[in-house]
Amino acid sequence: MRRFLTVLALTLSVGCASTSSNAPRAHEHTFAFLRIGPKRAEFTGEPLQELMRGHMANIGRLAEEGKLCVAGPMGQGNPDPNLRGIFVFVTDDVSEAQALCQSDPSIAAGVLAAEVAPLRTDKDLLDVLRRGMEFEARRKADPSIPMIEGMSTYALLVAEDGARASKALAPLREAKQIVFEGEFGGAREGQALYLLDVRDLAGADMLLTPMRGALGNHQLYPWFGSAELRK
């Protein structure tokens, strides 16, 4: 399963680093946490591989239709092995995003499960989708470009108190060490998401040490995505 989730980031997760000093969050999307589903143990061998092929085909279709703008798996050292990856959809309609998740064969079969929540970001992730499709066009035009080229690791920070975290992370925002950030809605109202420009969790821990006390309760996850995010 790790192999197919690693591929999620290859065509979709490209964008640009956060540059705003006050981090306005004016762009409405929906976010999905992908976790191991309740029927994962029922699938092995070729049936599982078939679901994974359908999963990847569905990602490509949603990207081409302009519906899925970011996707990627959790990286090595993930403290929550049940959390496998993320989606960010262009739509701000939670019901539509849930239906798009169910169009994924692996989610429909219960191999994966998706938790969907509104996400208001500081970046227009439609640009992420555009750049991702441009990369895919270049790769198709030049078969020598490997899918893995340009991939990198980051840290995903989920803060329980988004307002508190936003203040605490101001130095990282000024230093452009936050790739993008957003506020959750729905059942996660008040929580916030930050993609940190670090290579691993050790780097994230070091980066956050000076502000740990002011940050409040939070979770850190290693995340695997395109190196284009750093541009």
Protein backbone atom coordinates (compact mmCIF):
# COMPACT_ATOMS: atom_id res chain seq x y z
CA MET A 1 0.00 0.00 0.00
CA ARG A 2 2.89 2.35 0.75
CA ARG A 3 4.06 2.08 -2.87
CA PHE A 4 0.81 3.26 -4.40
CA LEU A 5 0.44 6.07 -1.88
CA THR A 6 3.96 7.26 -2.67
CA VAL A 7 2.90 7.73 -6.28
CA LEU A 8 0.01 10.00 -5.28
CA ALA A 9 2.30 13.00 -5.04
CA LEU A 10 4.00 12.62 -8.39
CA THR A 11 1.55 14.37 -10.70
CA LEU A 12 -0.48 16.65 -8.47
CA SER A 13 1.51 18.11 -5.59
CA VAL A 14 3.28 21.13 -7.04
CA GLY A 15 2.88 24.74 -6.01
CA CYS A 16 4.67 27.71 -4.47
CA ALA A 17 5.87 28.70 -1.02
CA SER A 18 3.86 31.00 1.23
CA THR A 19 5.00 34.61 0.97
CA SER A 20 2.31 36.59 2.77
CA SER A 21 3.27 38.17 6.09
CA ASN A 22 -0.31 38.08 7.40
CA ALA A 23 -1.26 34.79 5.67
CA PRO A 24 -4.77 35.65 4.39
CA ARG A 25 -6.84 32.51 3.85
CA ALA A 26 -9.19 33.48 1.05
CA HIS A 27 -9.26 30.34 -1.08
CA GLU A 28 -11.92 27.73 -0.34
CA HIS A 29 -11.17 24.04 -0.86
CA THR A 30 -11.93 20.72 0.80
CA PHE A 31 -9.34 18.49 2.43
CA ALA A 32 -9.40 14.73 2.90
CA PHE A 33 -7.34 12.66 5.33
CA LEU A 34 -6.88 9.18 3.83
CA ARG A 35 -6.73 6.40 6.38
CA ILE A 36 -6.67 2.61 6.30
CA GLY A 37 -10.25 1.50 5.72
CA PRO A 38 -12.32 -1.05 7.63
CA LYS A 39 -12.01 -3.70 4.90
CA ARG A 40 -8.28 -3.43 4.22
CA ALA A 41 -7.57 -6.91 5.65
CA GLU A 42 -10.02 -8.48 3.19
CA PHE A 43 -7.88 -7.59 0.18
CA THR A 44 -4.49 -9.05 -0.73
CA GLY A 45 -2.57 -10.01 -3.85
CA GLU A 46 -4.07 -9.28 -7.24
CA PRO A 47 -7.46 -7.99 -5.96
CA LEU A 48 -5.59 -5.38 -3.91
CA GLN A 49 -3.33 -4.47 -6.82
CA GLU A 50 -6.36 -4.06 -9.07
CA LEU A 51 -7.87 -1.62 -6.60
CA MET A 52 -4.61 0.29 -6.49
CA ARG A 53 -4.49 0.56 -10.27
CA GLY A 54 -8.03 1.89 -10.22
CA HIS A 55 -7.07 4.25 -7.45
CA MET A 56 -4.26 5.74 -9.51
CA ALA A 57 -6.40 5.97 -12.63
CA ASN A 58 -9.05 7.81 -10.65
CA ILE A 59 -6.50 10.31 -9.34
CA GLY A 60 -5.42 11.05 -12.90
CA ARG A 61 -9.00 11.43 -14.06
CA LEU A 62 -9.90 13.84 -11.24
CA ALA A 63 -6.80 15.91 -11.98
CA GLU A 64 -7.57 16.08 -15.70
CA GLU A 65 -11.13 17.13 -14.89
CA GLY A 66 -9.80 19.96 -12.72
CA LYS A 67 -11.21 18.58 -9.47
CA LEU A 68 -8.20 17.31 -7.48
CA CYS A 69 -5.34 19.76 -6.97
CA VAL A 70 -3.05 18.17 -4.34
CA ALA A 71 -2.39 14.58 -3.31
CA GLY A 72 0.42 12.85 -1.50
CA PRO A 73 1.30 10.09 0.97
CA MET A 74 2.66 10.29 4.46
CA GLY A 75 6.43 9.76 4.61
CA GLN A 76 8.78 7.58 6.61
CA GLY A 77 8.51 7.77 10.37
CA ASN A 78 4.77 8.51 10.33
CA PRO A 79 3.60 8.43 13.98
CA ASP A 80 0.11 7.35 12.87
CA PRO A 81 0.39 4.31 10.57
CA ASN A 82 -3.36 4.40 9.91
CA LEU A 83 -2.99 7.81 8.25
CA ARG A 84 -1.86 7.10 4.69
CA GLY A 85 -2.13 10.35 2.73
CA ILE A 86 -4.11 13.46 1.83
CA PHE A 87 -6.24 14.90 -0.94
CA VAL A 88 -7.10 18.57 -1.51
CA PHE A 89 -10.03 19.18 -3.83
CA VAL A 90 -10.75 22.32 -5.84
CA THR A 91 -14.38 22.38 -4.71
CA ASP A 92 -15.52 23.97 -1.45
CA ASP A 93 -18.58 21.69 -1.37
CA VAL A 94 -18.05 18.93 1.23
CA SER A 95 -20.77 16.74 -0.23
CA GLU A 96 -19.18 16.95 -3.68
CA ALA A 97 -15.75 16.15 -2.22
CA GLN A 98 -17.17 13.13 -0.40
CA ALA A 99 -18.68 11.90 -3.67
CA LEU A 100 -15.33 12.39 -5.42
CA CYS A 101 -13.66 10.32 -2.71
CA GLN A 102 -16.20 7.55 -3.24
CA SER A 103 -15.34 7.52 -6.93
CA ASP A 104 -11.97 6.08 -5.85
CA PRO A 105 -12.20 2.27 -6.06
CA SER A 106 -10.01 1.77 -3.00
CA ILE A 107 -12.23 4.03 -0.89
CA ALA A 108 -15.45 2.55 -2.28
CA ALA A 109 -14.16 -0.93 -1.39
CA GLY A 110 -13.19 0.09 2.15
CA VAL A 111 -9.44 -0.40 1.67
CA LEU A 112 -9.05 3.31 2.38
CA ALA A 113 -11.36 5.68 4.23
CA ALA A 114 -11.59 9.44 3.77
CA GLU A 115 -12.34 12.13 6.35
CA VAL A 116 -13.38 15.28 4.50
CA ALA A 117 -13.37 18.81 5.94
CA PRO A 118 -13.56 22.35 4.52
CA LEU A 119 -10.16 24.05 4.16
CA ARG A 120 -9.57 27.76 3.58
CA THR A 121 -6.00 28.26 2.34
CA ASP A 122 -3.62 31.16 1.84
CA LYS A 123 -2.83 29.93 -1.69
CA ASP A 124 -5.07 29.34 -4.69
CA LEU A 125 -4.47 25.63 -5.19
CA LEU A 126 -5.88 25.78 -8.71
CA ASP A 127 -2.39 26.99 -9.56
CA VAL A 128 -1.05 23.83 -7.94
CA LEU A 129 -3.18 21.77 -10.29
CA ARG A 130 -2.10 23.77 -13.33
CA ARG A 131 1.58 23.33 -12.58
CA GLY A 132 1.09 19.66 -11.83
CA MET A 133 -0.49 19.08 -15.22
CA GLU A 134 2.32 21.02 -16.90
CA PHE A 135 4.84 18.70 -15.24
CA GLU A 136 2.91 15.67 -16.46
CA ALA A 137 2.89 17.08 -20.01
CA ARG A 138 6.66 17.53 -19.89
CA ARG A 139 7.14 14.01 -18.56
CA LYS A 140 4.97 12.53 -21.30
CA ALA A 141 6.85 14.50 -23.95
CA ASP A 142 10.18 13.31 -22.55
CA PRO A 143 9.98 9.68 -21.31
CA SER A 144 13.49 10.01 -19.86
CA ILE A 145 12.09 12.16 -17.04
CA PRO A 146 11.39 9.72 -14.18
CA MET A 147 8.23 10.12 -12.13
CA ILE A 148 10.30 10.27 -8.95
CA GLU A 149 12.36 13.22 -10.15
CA GLY A 150 11.90 16.35 -8.14
CA MET A 151 10.18 14.66 -5.21
CA SER A 152 10.92 15.69 -1.64
CA THR A 153 9.76 15.34 1.95
CA TYR A 154 8.05 17.88 4.18
CA ALA A 155 6.32 18.01 7.56
CA LEU A 156 2.58 18.45 7.90
CA LEU A 157 1.51 20.22 11.09
CA VAL A 158 -2.08 20.05 12.33
CA ALA A 159 -2.74 22.49 15.18
CA GLU A 160 -5.78 22.20 17.45
CA ASP A 161 -5.92 25.95 18.11
CA GLY A 162 -5.41 27.56 14.73
CA ALA A 163 -5.45 31.16 15.98
CA ARG A 164 -2.83 30.39 18.62
CA ALA A 165 -0.68 28.47 16.15
CA SER A 166 -0.88 31.26 13.56
CA LYS A 167 0.64 33.72 16.03
CA ALA A 168 3.29 31.28 17.21
CA LEU A 169 4.37 30.43 13.67
CA ALA A 170 4.76 34.04 12.54
CA PRO A 171 8.59 33.78 12.47
CA LEU A 172 8.38 30.77 10.14
CA ARG A 173 5.94 32.62 7.90
CA GLU A 174 8.29 35.59 7.67
CA ALA A 175 11.20 33.25 6.88
CA LYS A 176 9.09 31.58 4.15
CA GLN A 177 9.40 28.20 5.83
CA ILE A 178 5.65 27.58 5.56
CA VAL A 179 4.85 26.22 2.10
CA PHE A 180 1.12 26.78 2.49
CA GLU A 181 -1.35 26.95 5.33
CA GLY A 182 -5.06 26.76 5.91
CA GLU A 183 -7.91 26.79 8.40
CA PHE A 184 -10.28 23.84 8.73
CA GLY A 185 -14.03 24.09 8.98
CA GLY A 186 -16.78 21.61 9.81
CA ALA A 187 -15.99 19.12 12.57
CA ARG A 188 -12.42 20.49 12.65
CA GLU A 189 -13.48 24.11 13.02
CA GLY A 190 -10.75 26.09 14.76
CA GLN A 191 -7.94 23.74 13.75
CA ALA A 192 -5.27 24.72 11.23
CA LEU A 193 -2.93 23.01 8.78
CA TYR A 194 0.65 24.01 7.92
CA LEU A 195 3.00 22.42 5.39
CA LEU A 196 6.54 23.09 6.65
CA ASP A 197 9.58 23.40 4.43
CA VAL A 198 11.71 20.78 6.20
CA ARG A 199 13.17 17.45 5.14
CA ASP A 200 11.93 15.28 8.01
CA LEU A 201 10.33 15.26 11.45
CA ALA A 202 13.68 15.83 13.14
CA GLY A 203 14.06 19.03 11.14
CA ALA A 204 10.51 20.05 12.06
CA ASP A 205 11.15 19.44 15.76
CA MET A 206 14.27 21.61 15.62
CA LEU A 207 12.44 24.33 13.73
CA LEU A 208 9.56 24.38 16.22
CA THR A 209 11.62 24.19 19.43
CA PRO A 210 11.71 27.97 20.07
CA MET A 211 7.92 28.26 19.76
CA ARG A 212 6.80 24.91 21.18
CA GLY A 213 5.26 26.39 24.30
CA ALA A 214 3.26 28.99 22.38
CA LEU A 215 2.08 26.57 19.67
CA GLY A 216 -0.41 24.58 21.72
CA ASN A 217 -1.51 21.00 21.03
CA HIS A 218 -0.50 19.79 17.59
CA GLN A 219 0.47 16.76 15.53
CA LEU A 220 3.40 16.46 13.13
CA TYR A 221 3.42 14.07 10.18
CA PRO A 222 6.08 13.41 7.55
CA TRP A 223 4.67 14.06 4.09
CA PHE A 224 5.99 13.21 0.63
CA GLY A 225 5.39 15.58 -2.27
CA SER A 226 6.89 17.47 -5.15
CA ALA A 227 10.04 19.56 -4.73
CA GLU A 228 8.25 22.14 -6.91
CA LEU A 229 6.39 23.17 -3.77
CA ARG A 230 9.57 24.90 -2.60
CA LYS A 231 9.66 27.25 -5.61
